[in-house]
Amino acid sequence: MSKKVYTKEQWEQKLNDVKISKQDLNKIVMNYLIVEGYKEAAEAFVEESNTEPNCDLDDISERMKIRNAIQQGNIEEGIEYINDLDPEILDTNPDLIFSLKQQQLIEMIRNNKIDEALIFAQEEIAPKGLKQKEFLEEIERTMALFAFSEENQSDSPVGELLSNNQRQKIASKLNSAILQSQCQDKDSKLPTFLKLLTFSQNRLEEKVKFPKLNLDNEFEV
């Protein structure tokens, strides 16, 4: 059975027939700007679209200060900022405090502060593994960095721990925890909708031939 074929013009007309509230779209954009920390863009969007944010936009600055500290490897400074903002965030989240302590150890190893790192691992990291067994694998991976010379650490089997992606992962985890503590969405809705768009188009393509919308807002004929 052949698929029904839609031209670009026919498909655009079908999409135009679907009524979507501009207010709902604006809320999705605002949600993205707040969660990702684009304060100036959020302020401009308030003026442009008349969309009221569901939080104080000044809170974004504090959150971004914390996230930037983590992304730059200043973990101790980031922890101080978190505790100044709200000590309960770490007090009630042992998984997060472990991730931060682990990253603190990684930064010491990165900076070749080996003696300091060994003492820190013994006093701060090892006890957490004894209390919560789920941390043991990550502790073992981090401690494995000691087995490689400074010039070979990045290329080792655990070298990804020294990558910027590792810092970004911890910063994102912390960002979500702060948002949750402020009764905000911890994740942006926009990436979820984009994934849903891709999934829906792939499923629909099994039945009809149509111009797919790509992420550059263009139709692929």
N, C-alpha and C. Protein backbone atom coordinates (compact mmCIF):
# COMPACT_ATOMS: atom_id res chain seq x y z
N MET A 1 0.85 -1.20 0.00
CA MET A 1 0.00 0.00 0.00
C MET A 1 0.89 1.25 0.00
N SER A 2 0.68 2.13 -0.99
CA SER A 2 1.52 3.33 -1.11
C SER A 2 1.11 4.37 -0.08
N LYS A 3 2.09 5.19 0.31
CA LYS A 3 1.83 6.23 1.30
C LYS A 3 1.17 7.43 0.63
N LYS A 4 0.31 8.10 1.37
CA LYS A 4 -0.24 9.36 0.90
C LYS A 4 0.87 10.41 0.93
N VAL A 5 0.93 11.25 -0.10
CA VAL A 5 2.00 12.23 -0.22
C VAL A 5 1.43 13.64 -0.06
N TYR A 6 2.09 14.44 0.79
CA TYR A 6 1.71 15.84 0.96
C TYR A 6 2.83 16.73 0.42
N THR A 7 2.45 17.74 -0.35
CA THR A 7 3.42 18.73 -0.78
C THR A 7 3.73 19.66 0.40
N LYS A 8 4.77 20.46 0.25
CA LYS A 8 5.12 21.41 1.29
C LYS A 8 3.97 22.36 1.58
N GLU A 9 3.32 22.86 0.51
CA GLU A 9 2.21 23.80 0.68
C GLU A 9 1.03 23.14 1.40
N GLN A 10 0.71 21.90 1.02
CA GLN A 10 -0.40 21.18 1.66
C GLN A 10 -0.11 20.95 3.15
N TRP A 11 1.14 20.59 3.43
CA TRP A 11 1.50 20.29 4.83
C TRP A 11 1.50 21.56 5.69
N GLU A 12 1.99 22.64 5.11
CA GLU A 12 1.97 23.91 5.84
C GLU A 12 0.53 24.33 6.15
N GLN A 13 -0.37 24.09 5.21
CA GLN A 13 -1.78 24.43 5.44
C GLN A 13 -2.35 23.60 6.58
N LYS A 14 -1.99 22.32 6.61
CA LYS A 14 -2.48 21.46 7.70
C LYS A 14 -1.96 21.95 9.06
N LEU A 15 -0.70 22.34 9.08
CA LEU A 15 -0.12 22.83 10.34
C LEU A 15 -0.78 24.15 10.76
N ASN A 16 -1.09 24.98 9.77
CA ASN A 16 -1.73 26.27 10.07
C ASN A 16 -3.14 26.09 10.61
N ASP A 17 -3.76 24.95 10.27
CA ASP A 17 -5.12 24.67 10.75
C ASP A 17 -5.14 24.27 12.22
N VAL A 18 -3.96 23.90 12.76
CA VAL A 18 -3.88 23.52 14.17
C VAL A 18 -3.75 24.78 15.01
N LYS A 19 -4.67 24.97 15.91
CA LYS A 19 -4.68 26.18 16.73
C LYS A 19 -3.90 25.95 18.03
N ILE A 20 -2.87 26.74 18.21
CA ILE A 20 -2.05 26.65 19.42
C ILE A 20 -2.03 28.02 20.08
N SER A 21 -2.26 28.03 21.36
CA SER A 21 -2.30 29.28 22.11
C SER A 21 -0.92 29.93 22.14
N LYS A 22 -0.85 31.19 21.71
CA LYS A 22 0.42 31.92 21.77
C LYS A 22 0.88 32.09 23.21
N GLN A 23 -0.08 32.21 24.11
CA GLN A 23 0.25 32.34 25.53
C GLN A 23 0.97 31.09 26.04
N ASP A 24 0.49 29.91 25.59
CA ASP A 24 1.14 28.65 26.00
C ASP A 24 2.56 28.56 25.43
N LEU A 25 2.73 28.99 24.18
CA LEU A 25 4.06 28.98 23.57
C LEU A 25 5.00 29.91 24.32
N ASN A 26 4.49 31.08 24.69
CA ASN A 26 5.31 32.04 25.42
C ASN A 26 5.75 31.49 26.78
N LYS A 27 4.86 30.74 27.42
CA LYS A 27 5.20 30.15 28.72
C LYS A 27 6.33 29.12 28.58
N ILE A 28 6.31 28.38 27.46
CA ILE A 28 7.36 27.39 27.22
C ILE A 28 8.70 28.09 27.02
N VAL A 29 8.69 29.18 26.27
CA VAL A 29 9.91 29.95 26.05
C VAL A 29 10.42 30.53 27.37
N MET A 30 9.51 31.10 28.15
CA MET A 30 9.90 31.68 29.44
C MET A 30 10.47 30.61 30.36
N ASN A 31 9.84 29.45 30.38
CA ASN A 31 10.33 28.33 31.18
C ASN A 31 11.76 27.97 30.80
N TYR A 32 12.04 27.92 29.52
CA TYR A 32 13.38 27.59 29.03
C TYR A 32 14.40 28.65 29.48
N LEU A 33 14.06 29.92 29.33
CA LEU A 33 14.98 31.00 29.70
C LEU A 33 15.29 31.00 31.19
N ILE A 34 14.28 30.71 32.01
CA ILE A 34 14.48 30.68 33.46
C ILE A 34 15.33 29.48 33.88
N VAL A 35 14.97 28.30 33.40
CA VAL A 35 15.69 27.09 33.80
C VAL A 35 17.15 27.14 33.36
N GLU A 36 17.40 27.64 32.14
CA GLU A 36 18.76 27.67 31.62
C GLU A 36 19.55 28.90 32.10
N GLY A 37 18.87 29.84 32.77
CA GLY A 37 19.58 30.93 33.42
C GLY A 37 19.83 32.16 32.58
N TYR A 38 19.01 32.38 31.55
CA TYR A 38 19.19 33.56 30.70
C TYR A 38 18.37 34.72 31.24
N LYS A 39 18.91 35.37 32.26
CA LYS A 39 18.16 36.41 32.95
C LYS A 39 17.82 37.59 32.05
N GLU A 40 18.81 38.13 31.35
CA GLU A 40 18.57 39.31 30.51
C GLU A 40 17.58 38.99 29.41
N ALA A 41 17.70 37.80 28.82
CA ALA A 41 16.76 37.41 27.77
C ALA A 41 15.35 37.25 28.34
N ALA A 42 15.26 36.71 29.57
CA ALA A 42 13.95 36.55 30.21
C ALA A 42 13.31 37.91 30.48
N GLU A 43 14.12 38.86 30.95
CA GLU A 43 13.61 40.21 31.22
C GLU A 43 13.11 40.87 29.93
N ALA A 44 13.88 40.69 28.85
CA ALA A 44 13.47 41.26 27.56
C ALA A 44 12.20 40.59 27.06
N PHE A 45 12.09 39.29 27.30
CA PHE A 45 10.91 38.55 26.83
C PHE A 45 9.65 38.96 27.60
N VAL A 46 9.82 39.31 28.87
CA VAL A 46 8.70 39.83 29.67
C VAL A 46 8.15 41.09 29.01
N GLU A 47 9.05 41.99 28.63
CA GLU A 47 8.64 43.25 28.01
C GLU A 47 8.01 43.02 26.64
N GLU A 48 8.61 42.11 25.89
CA GLU A 48 8.17 41.89 24.51
C GLU A 48 6.85 41.14 24.42
N SER A 49 6.68 40.14 25.27
CA SER A 49 5.52 39.24 25.13
C SER A 49 4.46 39.42 26.21
N ASN A 50 4.78 40.23 27.23
CA ASN A 50 3.84 40.42 28.34
C ASN A 50 3.61 39.12 29.12
N THR A 51 4.59 38.24 29.08
CA THR A 51 4.48 36.95 29.79
C THR A 51 5.07 37.10 31.18
N GLU A 52 4.26 36.85 32.19
CA GLU A 52 4.73 36.98 33.57
C GLU A 52 5.52 35.74 33.99
N PRO A 53 6.74 35.90 34.48
CA PRO A 53 7.50 34.74 34.97
C PRO A 53 6.89 34.23 36.27
N ASN A 54 7.11 32.95 36.55
CA ASN A 54 6.55 32.37 37.78
C ASN A 54 7.57 32.37 38.92
N CYS A 55 8.58 33.24 38.80
CA CYS A 55 9.57 33.37 39.87
C CYS A 55 10.18 34.76 39.80
N ASP A 56 10.94 35.10 40.81
CA ASP A 56 11.68 36.35 40.82
C ASP A 56 12.91 36.18 39.93
N LEU A 57 13.01 36.96 38.87
CA LEU A 57 14.11 36.79 37.92
C LEU A 57 15.47 37.09 38.55
N ASP A 58 15.48 37.83 39.66
CA ASP A 58 16.75 38.10 40.34
C ASP A 58 17.36 36.82 40.91
N ASP A 59 16.50 35.80 41.16
CA ASP A 59 17.01 34.52 41.66
C ASP A 59 17.93 33.85 40.65
N ILE A 60 17.75 34.18 39.37
CA ILE A 60 18.55 33.55 38.33
C ILE A 60 20.03 33.89 38.51
N SER A 61 20.31 35.13 38.89
CA SER A 61 21.71 35.57 39.03
C SER A 61 22.46 34.74 40.07
N GLU A 62 21.82 34.49 41.22
CA GLU A 62 22.45 33.69 42.26
C GLU A 62 22.69 32.26 41.78
N ARG A 63 21.70 31.73 41.09
CA ARG A 63 21.81 30.34 40.60
C ARG A 63 22.93 30.23 39.56
N MET A 64 23.05 31.22 38.69
CA MET A 64 24.08 31.19 37.66
C MET A 64 25.47 31.40 38.26
N LYS A 65 25.56 32.18 39.33
CA LYS A 65 26.85 32.36 40.01
C LYS A 65 27.34 31.02 40.54
N ILE A 66 26.42 30.25 41.09
CA ILE A 66 26.76 28.92 41.62
C ILE A 66 27.14 27.98 40.49
N ARG A 67 26.33 27.96 39.43
CA ARG A 67 26.60 27.05 38.32
C ARG A 67 27.93 27.38 37.64
N ASN A 68 28.21 28.66 37.47
CA ASN A 68 29.46 29.07 36.83
C ASN A 68 30.68 28.66 37.66
N ALA A 69 30.54 28.76 38.98
CA ALA A 69 31.66 28.34 39.86
C ALA A 69 31.97 26.86 39.65
N ILE A 70 30.93 26.04 39.56
CA ILE A 70 31.13 24.59 39.36
C ILE A 70 31.73 24.33 37.98
N GLN A 71 31.22 25.00 36.95
CA GLN A 71 31.71 24.79 35.59
C GLN A 71 33.17 25.21 35.44
N GLN A 72 33.62 26.14 36.28
CA GLN A 72 35.01 26.59 36.23
C GLN A 72 35.91 25.77 37.16
N GLY A 73 35.32 24.79 37.85
CA GLY A 73 36.10 23.93 38.73
C GLY A 73 36.31 24.47 40.12
N ASN A 74 35.63 25.57 40.47
CA ASN A 74 35.76 26.15 41.81
C ASN A 74 34.68 25.56 42.73
N ILE A 75 34.87 24.30 43.07
CA ILE A 75 33.81 23.56 43.77
C ILE A 75 33.59 24.07 45.19
N GLU A 76 34.67 24.33 45.91
CA GLU A 76 34.53 24.80 47.30
C GLU A 76 33.80 26.15 47.33
N GLU A 77 34.14 27.01 46.39
CA GLU A 77 33.45 28.30 46.29
C GLU A 77 31.97 28.09 45.96
N GLY A 78 31.68 27.16 45.05
CA GLY A 78 30.30 26.86 44.70
C GLY A 78 29.50 26.36 45.88
N ILE A 79 30.12 25.50 46.70
CA ILE A 79 29.45 24.97 47.89
C ILE A 79 29.13 26.09 48.87
N GLU A 80 30.06 27.03 49.02
CA GLU A 80 29.81 28.18 49.91
C GLU A 80 28.63 29.00 49.41
N TYR A 81 28.57 29.21 48.10
CA TYR A 81 27.45 29.97 47.52
C TYR A 81 26.12 29.26 47.76
N ILE A 82 26.12 27.92 47.61
CA ILE A 82 24.88 27.16 47.82
C ILE A 82 24.41 27.31 49.26
N ASN A 83 25.34 27.16 50.19
CA ASN A 83 24.97 27.25 51.60
C ASN A 83 24.51 28.65 51.98
N ASP A 84 25.05 29.67 51.31
CA ASP A 84 24.57 31.04 51.54
C ASP A 84 23.15 31.19 51.01
N LEU A 85 22.88 30.53 49.89
CA LEU A 85 21.55 30.63 49.27
C LEU A 85 20.51 29.86 50.08
N ASP A 86 20.83 28.59 50.38
CA ASP A 86 19.89 27.73 51.11
C ASP A 86 20.63 26.47 51.57
N PRO A 87 21.04 26.40 52.85
CA PRO A 87 21.80 25.24 53.36
C PRO A 87 21.04 23.92 53.23
N GLU A 88 19.72 23.98 53.21
CA GLU A 88 18.93 22.75 53.16
C GLU A 88 19.10 22.00 51.85
N ILE A 89 19.52 22.69 50.80
CA ILE A 89 19.69 22.03 49.51
C ILE A 89 20.67 20.87 49.63
N LEU A 90 21.79 21.11 50.31
CA LEU A 90 22.78 20.04 50.48
C LEU A 90 22.46 19.16 51.67
N ASP A 91 21.90 19.75 52.72
CA ASP A 91 21.57 18.97 53.93
C ASP A 91 20.58 17.85 53.62
N THR A 92 19.72 18.07 52.64
CA THR A 92 18.66 17.10 52.34
C THR A 92 18.95 16.29 51.08
N ASN A 93 20.18 16.42 50.53
CA ASN A 93 20.47 15.74 49.26
C ASN A 93 21.86 15.10 49.32
N PRO A 94 21.97 13.93 49.95
CA PRO A 94 23.29 13.28 50.09
C PRO A 94 23.92 12.90 48.76
N ASP A 95 23.11 12.59 47.77
CA ASP A 95 23.65 12.24 46.46
C ASP A 95 24.35 13.45 45.83
N LEU A 96 23.74 14.62 45.99
CA LEU A 96 24.32 15.84 45.43
C LEU A 96 25.60 16.23 46.16
N ILE A 97 25.60 16.15 47.48
CA ILE A 97 26.81 16.52 48.23
C ILE A 97 27.94 15.56 47.90
N PHE A 98 27.63 14.28 47.67
CA PHE A 98 28.68 13.34 47.25
C PHE A 98 29.25 13.74 45.89
N SER A 99 28.37 14.08 44.95
CA SER A 99 28.82 14.46 43.60
C SER A 99 29.74 15.68 43.66
N LEU A 100 29.40 16.64 44.53
CA LEU A 100 30.23 17.83 44.67
C LEU A 100 31.58 17.50 45.31
N LYS A 101 31.56 16.65 46.34
CA LYS A 101 32.81 16.26 46.99
C LYS A 101 33.69 15.46 46.02
N GLN A 102 33.04 14.59 45.25
CA GLN A 102 33.78 13.83 44.23
C GLN A 102 34.44 14.78 43.23
N GLN A 103 33.69 15.78 42.78
CA GLN A 103 34.23 16.74 41.83
C GLN A 103 35.36 17.56 42.45
N GLN A 104 35.22 17.85 43.73
CA GLN A 104 36.28 18.58 44.44
C GLN A 104 37.57 17.76 44.43
N LEU A 105 37.44 16.45 44.65
CA LEU A 105 38.61 15.56 44.60
C LEU A 105 39.20 15.52 43.18
N ILE A 106 38.33 15.45 42.19
CA ILE A 106 38.79 15.42 40.79
C ILE A 106 39.60 16.68 40.46
N GLU A 107 39.12 17.82 40.95
CA GLU A 107 39.84 19.08 40.67
C GLU A 107 41.20 19.11 41.34
N MET A 108 41.30 18.52 42.54
CA MET A 108 42.60 18.45 43.19
C MET A 108 43.56 17.58 42.38
N ILE A 109 43.06 16.46 41.87
CA ILE A 109 43.90 15.58 41.06
C ILE A 109 44.29 16.28 39.76
N ARG A 110 43.34 16.99 39.16
CA ARG A 110 43.62 17.73 37.92
C ARG A 110 44.77 18.73 38.12
N ASN A 111 44.76 19.37 39.29
CA ASN A 111 45.77 20.39 39.59
C ASN A 111 47.02 19.81 40.24
N ASN A 112 47.11 18.46 40.23
CA ASN A 112 48.29 17.74 40.73
C ASN A 112 48.56 18.00 42.21
N LYS A 113 47.50 18.23 42.98
CA LYS A 113 47.63 18.39 44.43
C LYS A 113 47.44 17.02 45.07
N ILE A 114 48.39 16.14 44.82
CA ILE A 114 48.22 14.72 45.14
C ILE A 114 48.12 14.47 46.64
N ASP A 115 49.01 15.06 47.44
CA ASP A 115 48.97 14.85 48.90
C ASP A 115 47.64 15.36 49.46
N GLU A 116 47.25 16.55 49.04
CA GLU A 116 45.99 17.12 49.51
C GLU A 116 44.81 16.25 49.07
N ALA A 117 44.88 15.73 47.85
CA ALA A 117 43.80 14.89 47.32
C ALA A 117 43.68 13.58 48.09
N LEU A 118 44.81 12.99 48.45
CA LEU A 118 44.78 11.73 49.20
C LEU A 118 44.16 11.92 50.58
N ILE A 119 44.53 13.00 51.25
CA ILE A 119 43.96 13.30 52.57
C ILE A 119 42.45 13.56 52.44
N PHE A 120 42.08 14.33 51.41
CA PHE A 120 40.67 14.64 51.19
C PHE A 120 39.87 13.37 50.90
N ALA A 121 40.43 12.48 50.08
CA ALA A 121 39.75 11.22 49.75
C ALA A 121 39.54 10.38 51.00
N GLN A 122 40.55 10.36 51.87
CA GLN A 122 40.46 9.56 53.10
C GLN A 122 39.45 10.14 54.08
N GLU A 123 39.43 11.46 54.20
CA GLU A 123 38.59 12.09 55.22
C GLU A 123 37.17 12.40 54.74
N GLU A 124 37.02 12.73 53.47
CA GLU A 124 35.72 13.20 52.98
C GLU A 124 34.99 12.20 52.07
N ILE A 125 35.74 11.45 51.28
CA ILE A 125 35.12 10.58 50.28
C ILE A 125 34.90 9.15 50.80
N ALA A 126 35.96 8.55 51.34
CA ALA A 126 35.88 7.15 51.79
C ALA A 126 34.74 6.91 52.79
N PRO A 127 34.54 7.78 53.80
CA PRO A 127 33.45 7.54 54.75
C PRO A 127 32.07 7.50 54.10
N LYS A 128 31.90 8.25 53.04
CA LYS A 128 30.60 8.25 52.36
C LYS A 128 30.35 6.91 51.68
N GLY A 129 31.41 6.29 51.17
CA GLY A 129 31.28 4.98 50.55
C GLY A 129 30.94 3.90 51.56
N LEU A 130 31.46 4.06 52.78
CA LEU A 130 31.16 3.09 53.83
C LEU A 130 29.70 3.19 54.28
N LYS A 131 29.17 4.42 54.26
CA LYS A 131 27.79 4.64 54.69
C LYS A 131 26.78 4.29 53.59
N GLN A 132 27.14 4.61 52.35
CA GLN A 132 26.20 4.39 51.24
C GLN A 132 26.93 3.67 50.11
N LYS A 133 26.64 2.38 49.99
CA LYS A 133 27.36 1.51 49.06
C LYS A 133 27.21 1.94 47.60
N GLU A 134 26.11 2.66 47.27
CA GLU A 134 25.90 3.04 45.88
C GLU A 134 26.96 4.03 45.38
N PHE A 135 27.72 4.62 46.32
CA PHE A 135 28.77 5.56 45.93
C PHE A 135 30.10 4.86 45.61
N LEU A 136 30.20 3.58 45.94
CA LEU A 136 31.49 2.89 45.85
C LEU A 136 32.05 2.87 44.43
N GLU A 137 31.19 2.63 43.44
CA GLU A 137 31.68 2.56 42.06
C GLU A 137 32.30 3.88 41.62
N GLU A 138 31.63 4.98 41.95
CA GLU A 138 32.16 6.30 41.58
C GLU A 138 33.45 6.60 42.34
N ILE A 139 33.52 6.16 43.59
CA ILE A 139 34.75 6.36 44.36
C ILE A 139 35.90 5.61 43.72
N GLU A 140 35.64 4.36 43.31
CA GLU A 140 36.68 3.55 42.68
C GLU A 140 37.14 4.17 41.37
N ARG A 141 36.20 4.69 40.57
CA ARG A 141 36.56 5.34 39.30
C ARG A 141 37.43 6.57 39.55
N THR A 142 37.07 7.35 40.55
CA THR A 142 37.82 8.56 40.84
C THR A 142 39.21 8.22 41.37
N MET A 143 39.28 7.26 42.27
CA MET A 143 40.58 6.88 42.85
C MET A 143 41.50 6.28 41.78
N ALA A 144 40.91 5.72 40.73
CA ALA A 144 41.73 5.14 39.65
C ALA A 144 42.58 6.20 38.95
N LEU A 145 42.20 7.46 39.05
CA LEU A 145 42.99 8.53 38.44
C LEU A 145 44.41 8.59 39.04
N PHE A 146 44.53 8.19 40.31
CA PHE A 146 45.84 8.21 40.96
C PHE A 146 46.82 7.24 40.30
N ALA A 147 46.30 6.25 39.59
CA ALA A 147 47.15 5.21 39.01
C ALA A 147 47.86 5.69 37.74
N PHE A 148 47.48 6.87 37.23
CA PHE A 148 48.05 7.34 35.98
C PHE A 148 48.85 8.63 36.22
N SER A 149 49.90 8.78 35.45
CA SER A 149 50.70 10.01 35.55
C SER A 149 49.87 11.18 35.04
N GLU A 150 50.25 12.38 35.42
CA GLU A 150 49.48 13.57 35.09
C GLU A 150 49.24 13.70 33.59
N GLU A 151 50.27 13.40 32.79
CA GLU A 151 50.13 13.57 31.34
C GLU A 151 49.26 12.48 30.69
N ASN A 152 49.04 11.38 31.40
CA ASN A 152 48.24 10.28 30.83
C ASN A 152 46.83 10.17 31.41
N GLN A 153 46.52 10.99 32.39
CA GLN A 153 45.22 10.86 33.06
C GLN A 153 44.05 11.06 32.10
N SER A 154 44.14 12.08 31.24
CA SER A 154 43.02 12.40 30.35
C SER A 154 42.75 11.30 29.34
N ASP A 155 43.78 10.53 28.99
CA ASP A 155 43.62 9.45 28.00
C ASP A 155 43.38 8.09 28.66
N SER A 156 43.27 8.08 29.96
CA SER A 156 43.06 6.82 30.69
C SER A 156 41.61 6.37 30.57
N PRO A 157 41.28 5.14 30.97
CA PRO A 157 39.89 4.65 30.91
C PRO A 157 38.91 5.48 31.74
N VAL A 158 39.43 6.23 32.70
CA VAL A 158 38.54 7.09 33.52
C VAL A 158 38.80 8.57 33.22
N GLY A 159 39.42 8.83 32.08
CA GLY A 159 39.79 10.20 31.72
C GLY A 159 38.61 11.14 31.56
N GLU A 160 37.41 10.58 31.28
CA GLU A 160 36.23 11.46 31.11
C GLU A 160 35.90 12.23 32.38
N LEU A 161 36.38 11.75 33.53
CA LEU A 161 36.15 12.48 34.78
C LEU A 161 36.82 13.84 34.77
N LEU A 162 37.84 14.00 33.93
CA LEU A 162 38.57 15.27 33.85
C LEU A 162 38.04 16.18 32.73
N SER A 163 36.99 15.74 32.06
CA SER A 163 36.46 16.51 30.93
C SER A 163 35.53 17.62 31.42
N ASN A 164 35.30 18.58 30.55
CA ASN A 164 34.35 19.65 30.86
C ASN A 164 32.93 19.10 30.96
N ASN A 165 32.67 18.00 30.26
CA ASN A 165 31.34 17.38 30.35
C ASN A 165 31.03 16.92 31.77
N GLN A 166 32.06 16.47 32.48
CA GLN A 166 31.87 16.04 33.87
C GLN A 166 31.47 17.22 34.73
N ARG A 167 32.17 18.35 34.56
CA ARG A 167 31.80 19.55 35.31
C ARG A 167 30.37 19.98 34.97
N GLN A 168 30.05 19.94 33.67
CA GLN A 168 28.72 20.35 33.23
C GLN A 168 27.65 19.46 33.83
N LYS A 169 27.93 18.17 33.92
CA LYS A 169 26.96 17.23 34.50
C LYS A 169 26.65 17.58 35.96
N ILE A 170 27.69 17.88 36.72
CA ILE A 170 27.50 18.23 38.13
C ILE A 170 26.79 19.58 38.25
N ALA A 171 27.17 20.54 37.39
CA ALA A 171 26.53 21.86 37.42
C ALA A 171 25.05 21.77 37.10
N SER A 172 24.70 20.93 36.13
CA SER A 172 23.29 20.75 35.76
C SER A 172 22.50 20.07 36.88
N LYS A 173 23.13 19.11 37.52
CA LYS A 173 22.50 18.41 38.64
C LYS A 173 22.21 19.38 39.78
N LEU A 174 23.17 20.25 40.04
CA LEU A 174 23.01 21.25 41.09
C LEU A 174 21.96 22.28 40.71
N ASN A 175 21.97 22.70 39.45
CA ASN A 175 20.98 23.65 38.96
C ASN A 175 19.56 23.12 39.17
N SER A 176 19.36 21.85 38.86
CA SER A 176 18.04 21.22 39.03
C SER A 176 17.63 21.19 40.50
N ALA A 177 18.60 20.91 41.38
CA ALA A 177 18.30 20.84 42.82
C ALA A 177 17.89 22.21 43.35
N ILE A 178 18.57 23.26 42.89
CA ILE A 178 18.23 24.62 43.33
C ILE A 178 16.83 24.99 42.85
N LEU A 179 16.54 24.70 41.58
CA LEU A 179 15.22 25.00 41.03
C LEU A 179 14.13 24.27 41.81
N GLN A 180 14.39 23.01 42.13
CA GLN A 180 13.41 22.21 42.88
C GLN A 180 13.18 22.80 44.26
N SER A 181 14.24 23.29 44.89
CA SER A 181 14.11 23.88 46.22
C SER A 181 13.30 25.17 46.19
N GLN A 182 13.26 25.81 45.01
CA GLN A 182 12.51 27.06 44.83
C GLN A 182 11.12 26.81 44.23
N CYS A 183 10.73 25.51 44.22
CA CYS A 183 9.42 25.10 43.68
C CYS A 183 9.27 25.48 42.21
N GLN A 184 10.38 25.38 41.47
CA GLN A 184 10.37 25.62 40.03
C GLN A 184 10.53 24.29 39.30
N ASP A 185 10.22 24.30 37.99
CA ASP A 185 10.51 23.12 37.17
C ASP A 185 12.01 22.89 37.16
N LYS A 186 12.44 21.68 37.43
CA LYS A 186 13.88 21.42 37.49
C LYS A 186 14.49 21.22 36.11
N ASP A 187 13.64 20.94 35.12
CA ASP A 187 14.12 20.77 33.75
C ASP A 187 13.28 21.62 32.80
N SER A 188 13.92 22.09 31.74
CA SER A 188 13.21 22.87 30.74
C SER A 188 12.26 21.98 29.95
N LYS A 189 11.07 22.50 29.64
CA LYS A 189 10.09 21.73 28.87
C LYS A 189 10.44 21.67 27.38
N LEU A 190 11.19 22.67 26.88
CA LEU A 190 11.44 22.78 25.45
C LEU A 190 12.16 21.57 24.87
N PRO A 191 13.25 21.08 25.47
CA PRO A 191 13.91 19.88 24.91
C PRO A 191 12.98 18.68 24.86
N THR A 192 12.09 18.56 25.84
CA THR A 192 11.14 17.44 25.84
C THR A 192 10.20 17.54 24.65
N PHE A 193 9.72 18.74 24.37
CA PHE A 193 8.83 18.93 23.22
C PHE A 193 9.56 18.65 21.90
N LEU A 194 10.83 19.02 21.82
CA LEU A 194 11.59 18.78 20.60
C LEU A 194 11.79 17.27 20.38
N LYS A 195 12.05 16.55 21.46
CA LYS A 195 12.16 15.09 21.36
C LYS A 195 10.83 14.48 20.91
N LEU A 196 9.74 15.01 21.46
CA LEU A 196 8.41 14.52 21.10
C LEU A 196 8.12 14.81 19.63
N LEU A 197 8.56 15.98 19.14
CA LEU A 197 8.38 16.32 17.73
C LEU A 197 9.09 15.31 16.84
N THR A 198 10.35 15.01 17.18
CA THR A 198 11.12 14.05 16.39
C THR A 198 10.47 12.67 16.40
N PHE A 199 10.05 12.23 17.57
CA PHE A 199 9.40 10.92 17.70
C PHE A 199 8.11 10.87 16.88
N SER A 200 7.30 11.92 16.99
CA SER A 200 6.00 11.95 16.30
C SER A 200 6.18 11.95 14.78
N GLN A 201 7.18 12.72 14.30
CA GLN A 201 7.41 12.77 12.86
C GLN A 201 7.89 11.42 12.34
N ASN A 202 8.73 10.74 13.12
CA ASN A 202 9.22 9.42 12.69
C ASN A 202 8.09 8.40 12.62
N ARG A 203 7.19 8.46 13.59
CA ARG A 203 6.05 7.54 13.57
C ARG A 203 5.10 7.86 12.42
N LEU A 204 4.85 9.14 12.20
CA LEU A 204 3.94 9.55 11.12
C LEU A 204 4.51 9.19 9.76
N GLU A 205 5.83 9.26 9.64
CA GLU A 205 6.49 8.96 8.36
C GLU A 205 6.26 7.52 7.92
N GLU A 206 5.91 6.66 8.86
CA GLU A 206 5.62 5.27 8.52
C GLU A 206 4.33 5.15 7.70
N LYS A 207 3.47 6.18 7.79
CA LYS A 207 2.16 6.10 7.16
C LYS A 207 1.98 7.07 5.98
N VAL A 208 2.60 8.24 6.08
CA VAL A 208 2.45 9.23 5.02
C VAL A 208 3.80 9.86 4.69
N LYS A 209 3.90 10.43 3.48
CA LYS A 209 5.11 11.13 3.09
C LYS A 209 4.82 12.63 3.19
N PHE A 210 5.63 13.33 3.96
CA PHE A 210 5.38 14.75 4.21
C PHE A 210 6.71 15.46 4.47
N PRO A 211 6.75 16.78 4.31
CA PRO A 211 7.99 17.52 4.59
C PRO A 211 8.21 17.59 6.10
N LYS A 212 9.29 17.01 6.58
CA LYS A 212 9.58 17.02 8.02
C LYS A 212 10.16 18.35 8.43
N LEU A 213 9.77 18.79 9.62
CA LEU A 213 10.29 20.04 10.18
C LEU A 213 11.57 19.72 10.95
N ASN A 214 12.68 20.37 10.58
CA ASN A 214 13.93 20.14 11.32
C ASN A 214 14.11 21.21 12.39
N LEU A 215 15.20 21.12 13.15
CA LEU A 215 15.40 22.01 14.28
C LEU A 215 15.84 23.41 13.86
N ASP A 216 16.05 23.62 12.56
CA ASP A 216 16.33 24.97 12.05
C ASP A 216 15.06 25.64 11.57
N ASN A 217 13.90 25.02 11.92
CA ASN A 217 12.59 25.56 11.56
C ASN A 217 12.42 25.59 10.03
N GLU A 218 12.98 24.59 9.36
CA GLU A 218 12.85 24.48 7.92
C GLU A 218 12.26 23.12 7.60
N PHE A 219 11.56 23.04 6.48
CA PHE A 219 10.98 21.80 6.04
C PHE A 219 11.97 21.02 5.20
N GLU A 220 12.09 19.70 5.50
CA GLU A 220 12.90 18.81 4.68
C GLU A 220 11.97 18.10 3.72
N VAL A 221 12.05 18.41 2.46
CA VAL A 221 11.14 17.84 1.47
C VAL A 221 11.64 16.47 1.03
